[in-house]
Amino acid sequence: MLLAPRADFYTGGLPEPPDVRLLVEVADSSLLYDRRTKFPLYARSGVAEAWLVDLDSGRLEIHRGAGGAGYRDVRLLRMDEMFSPAAFPDLTVTLRDLIG
C-alpha cells in the first residue's frame, strides 16, 4: 500500500481507506479469491485504486472508481503496456518495470 503522508506516520492509528493512495495485490495461486472477494471489499470500503498483478499470465488489472457495486473502471494491461498510478500521474511504468 501507498498511503497519504501523515505527520504521525500512522503511529496514532491505523490507516483508513481514504488514506490509501494505491493498493497492490500480487497473485500467484490467489487470483480468483483476490478478484472475487478482496477487490469488492476494497471498492465498498472506498479504496480509490487497487492493482491486481497476475503472475501466471503476466498481466495487470488496474481497478479505479470505487463504489458499492465494485470498481467501475477496470483496465487489463500486458507486461509492456505503459500506465500511471492515479496518485502519481507523471510516473509512467510498465508491469515489466515493477516485477522484472
C-alpha atoms as a PDB file:
ATOM      1  CA  MET A   1       0.000   0.000   0.000  1.00  0.00           C
ATOM      2  CA  LEU A   2       0.999   3.551  -0.658  1.00  0.00           C
ATOM      3  CA  LEU A   3      -0.530   5.786   1.980  1.00  0.00           C
ATOM      4  CA  ALA A   4      -1.159   9.512   2.168  1.00  0.00           C
ATOM      5  CA  PRO A   5       1.536  11.246   4.206  1.00  0.00           C
ATOM      6  CA  ARG A   6       0.602  11.865   7.812  1.00  0.00           C
ATOM      7  CA  ALA A   7       2.604  13.773  10.433  1.00  0.00           C
ATOM      8  CA  ASP A   8       2.450  10.886  12.925  1.00  0.00           C
ATOM      9  CA  PHE A   9       3.452   8.257  10.319  1.00  0.00           C
ATOM     10  CA  TYR A  10       0.321   6.307  11.384  1.00  0.00           C
ATOM     11  CA  THR A  11       1.586   5.702  14.923  1.00  0.00           C
ATOM     12  CA  GLY A  12      -1.621   7.302  16.241  1.00  0.00           C
ATOM     13  CA  GLY A  13      -3.903   4.887  14.406  1.00  0.00           C
ATOM     14  CA  LEU A  14      -4.160   2.502  11.525  1.00  0.00           C
ATOM     15  CA  PRO A  15      -4.778   3.838   8.018  1.00  0.00           C
ATOM     16  CA  GLU A  16      -8.366   4.098   6.824  1.00  0.00           C
ATOM     17  CA  PRO A  17      -9.485   3.527   3.191  1.00  0.00           C
ATOM     18  CA  PRO A  18      -9.312   7.260   2.313  1.00  0.00           C
ATOM     19  CA  ASP A  19      -5.624   7.190   3.345  1.00  0.00           C
ATOM     20  CA  VAL A  20      -4.815   4.518   0.743  1.00  0.00           C
ATOM     21  CA  ARG A  21      -3.474   6.055  -2.460  1.00  0.00           C
ATOM     22  CA  LEU A  22      -2.668   2.702  -4.077  1.00  0.00           C
ATOM     23  CA  LEU A  23      -3.157  -0.895  -3.011  1.00  0.00           C
ATOM     24  CA  VAL A  24      -1.333  -3.681  -4.867  1.00  0.00           C
ATOM     25  CA  GLU A  25      -2.124  -7.399  -4.643  1.00  0.00           C
ATOM     26  CA  VAL A  26       0.283  -9.864  -6.248  1.00  0.00           C
ATOM     27  CA  ALA A  27      -1.457 -13.125  -7.102  1.00  0.00           C
ATOM     28  CA  ASP A  28       0.069 -16.467  -7.840  1.00  0.00           C
ATOM     29  CA  SER A  29      -2.451 -19.006  -6.554  1.00  0.00           C
ATOM     30  CA  SER A  30      -4.910 -16.496  -5.049  1.00  0.00           C
ATOM     31  CA  LEU A  31      -6.075 -14.728  -8.226  1.00  0.00           C
ATOM     32  CA  LEU A  32      -9.758 -15.716  -8.112  1.00  0.00           C
ATOM     33  CA  TYR A  33     -10.027 -15.075  -4.375  1.00  0.00           C
ATOM     34  CA  ASP A  34      -8.417 -11.661  -4.750  1.00  0.00           C
ATOM     35  CA  ARG A  35     -10.624 -10.696  -7.694  1.00  0.00           C
ATOM     36  CA  ARG A  36     -13.928 -12.065  -6.365  1.00  0.00           C
ATOM     37  CA  THR A  37     -13.594 -11.486  -2.617  1.00  0.00           C
ATOM     38  CA  LYS A  38     -10.961  -8.900  -1.747  1.00  0.00           C
ATOM     39  CA  PHE A  39     -11.449  -6.371  -4.543  1.00  0.00           C
ATOM     40  CA  PRO A  40     -15.212  -5.944  -3.989  1.00  0.00           C
ATOM     41  CA  LEU A  41     -14.411  -5.302  -0.310  1.00  0.00           C
ATOM     42  CA  TYR A  42     -11.778  -2.724  -1.232  1.00  0.00           C
ATOM     43  CA  ALA A  43     -14.239  -0.975  -3.551  1.00  0.00           C
ATOM     44  CA  ARG A  44     -17.035  -0.912  -0.962  1.00  0.00           C
ATOM     45  CA  SER A  45     -14.566   0.476   1.590  1.00  0.00           C
ATOM     46  CA  GLY A  46     -13.597   3.301  -0.758  1.00  0.00           C
ATOM     47  CA  VAL A  47     -10.044   2.332  -1.729  1.00  0.00           C
ATOM     48  CA  ALA A  48      -9.639   4.594  -4.768  1.00  0.00           C
ATOM     49  CA  GLU A  49      -7.195   2.480  -6.784  1.00  0.00           C
ATOM     50  CA  ALA A  50      -6.178  -1.162  -6.500  1.00  0.00           C
ATOM     51  CA  TRP A  51      -3.957  -3.225  -8.753  1.00  0.00           C
ATOM     52  CA  LEU A  52      -4.020  -6.969  -9.181  1.00  0.00           C
ATOM     53  CA  VAL A  53      -0.805  -8.431 -10.577  1.00  0.00           C
ATOM     54  CA  ASP A  54      -1.412 -11.843 -12.160  1.00  0.00           C
ATOM     55  CA  LEU A  55       1.988 -13.525 -12.126  1.00  0.00           C
ATOM     56  CA  ASP A  56       0.817 -16.556 -14.116  1.00  0.00           C
ATOM     57  CA  SER A  57      -0.389 -14.591 -17.132  1.00  0.00           C
ATOM     58  CA  GLY A  58       1.962 -11.611 -16.796  1.00  0.00           C
ATOM     59  CA  ARG A  59      -0.954  -9.178 -16.693  1.00  0.00           C
ATOM     60  CA  LEU A  60      -2.004  -6.301 -14.513  1.00  0.00           C
ATOM     61  CA  GLU A  61      -5.556  -5.312 -13.652  1.00  0.00           C
ATOM     62  CA  ILE A  62      -5.981  -1.666 -12.680  1.00  0.00           C
ATOM     63  CA  HIS A  63      -9.180  -1.070 -10.702  1.00  0.00           C
ATOM     64  CA  ARG A  64     -10.448   2.503 -10.230  1.00  0.00           C
ATOM     65  CA  GLY A  65     -13.729   4.232  -9.472  1.00  0.00           C
ATOM     66  CA  ALA A  66     -14.648   2.517  -6.213  1.00  0.00           C
ATOM     67  CA  GLY A  67     -18.304   2.074  -5.368  1.00  0.00           C
ATOM     68  CA  GLY A  68     -20.741  -0.200  -3.601  1.00  0.00           C
ATOM     69  CA  ALA A  69     -21.052  -2.499  -6.606  1.00  0.00           C
ATOM     70  CA  GLY A  70     -17.294  -2.788  -7.165  1.00  0.00           C
ATOM     71  CA  TYR A  71     -14.902  -0.817  -9.327  1.00  0.00           C
ATOM     72  CA  ARG A  72     -16.433   0.986 -12.307  1.00  0.00           C
ATOM     73  CA  ASP A  73     -13.193   1.149 -14.302  1.00  0.00           C
ATOM     74  CA  VAL A  74     -11.064  -1.974 -14.770  1.00  0.00           C
ATOM     75  CA  ARG A  75      -8.203  -1.997 -17.255  1.00  0.00           C
ATOM     76  CA  LEU A  76      -6.215  -5.083 -18.248  1.00  0.00           C
ATOM     77  CA  LEU A  77      -2.609  -4.482 -19.252  1.00  0.00           C
ATOM     78  CA  ARG A  78       0.090  -6.745 -20.590  1.00  0.00           C
ATOM     79  CA  MET A  79       3.707  -6.781 -19.477  1.00  0.00           C
ATOM     80  CA  ASP A  80       4.986  -3.926 -21.698  1.00  0.00           C
ATOM     81  CA  GLU A  81       1.955  -1.612 -21.767  1.00  0.00           C
ATOM     82  CA  MET A  82       2.580   1.743 -20.120  1.00  0.00           C
ATOM     83  CA  PHE A  83       0.398   3.156 -17.338  1.00  0.00           C
ATOM     84  CA  SER A  84       0.441   5.652 -14.488  1.00  0.00           C
ATOM     85  CA  PRO A  85      -0.912   5.387 -10.961  1.00  0.00           C
ATOM     86  CA  ALA A  86      -3.684   7.932 -10.372  1.00  0.00           C
ATOM     87  CA  ALA A  87      -1.816   9.264  -7.327  1.00  0.00           C
ATOM     88  CA  PHE A  88       1.311   9.859  -9.458  1.00  0.00           C
ATOM     89  CA  PRO A  89       0.147  10.752 -12.976  1.00  0.00           C
ATOM     90  CA  ASP A  90       3.624  11.942 -14.026  1.00  0.00           C
ATOM     91  CA  LEU A  91       5.102   8.492 -13.326  1.00  0.00           C
ATOM     92  CA  THR A  92       4.845   6.141 -16.295  1.00  0.00           C
ATOM     93  CA  VAL A  93       5.782   2.477 -15.806  1.00  0.00           C
ATOM     94  CA  THR A  94       5.158  -0.977 -17.220  1.00  0.00           C
ATOM     95  CA  LEU A  95       4.456  -4.192 -15.367  1.00  0.00           C
ATOM     96  CA  ARG A  96       7.901  -5.368 -16.502  1.00  0.00           C
ATOM     97  CA  ASP A  97       9.369  -2.348 -14.653  1.00  0.00           C
ATOM     98  CA  LEU A  98       7.646  -3.498 -11.474  1.00  0.00           C
ATOM     99  CA  ILE A  99       8.224  -7.247 -11.478  1.00  0.00           C
ATOM    100  CA  GLY A 100      11.039  -7.754 -13.979  1.00  0.00           C
END
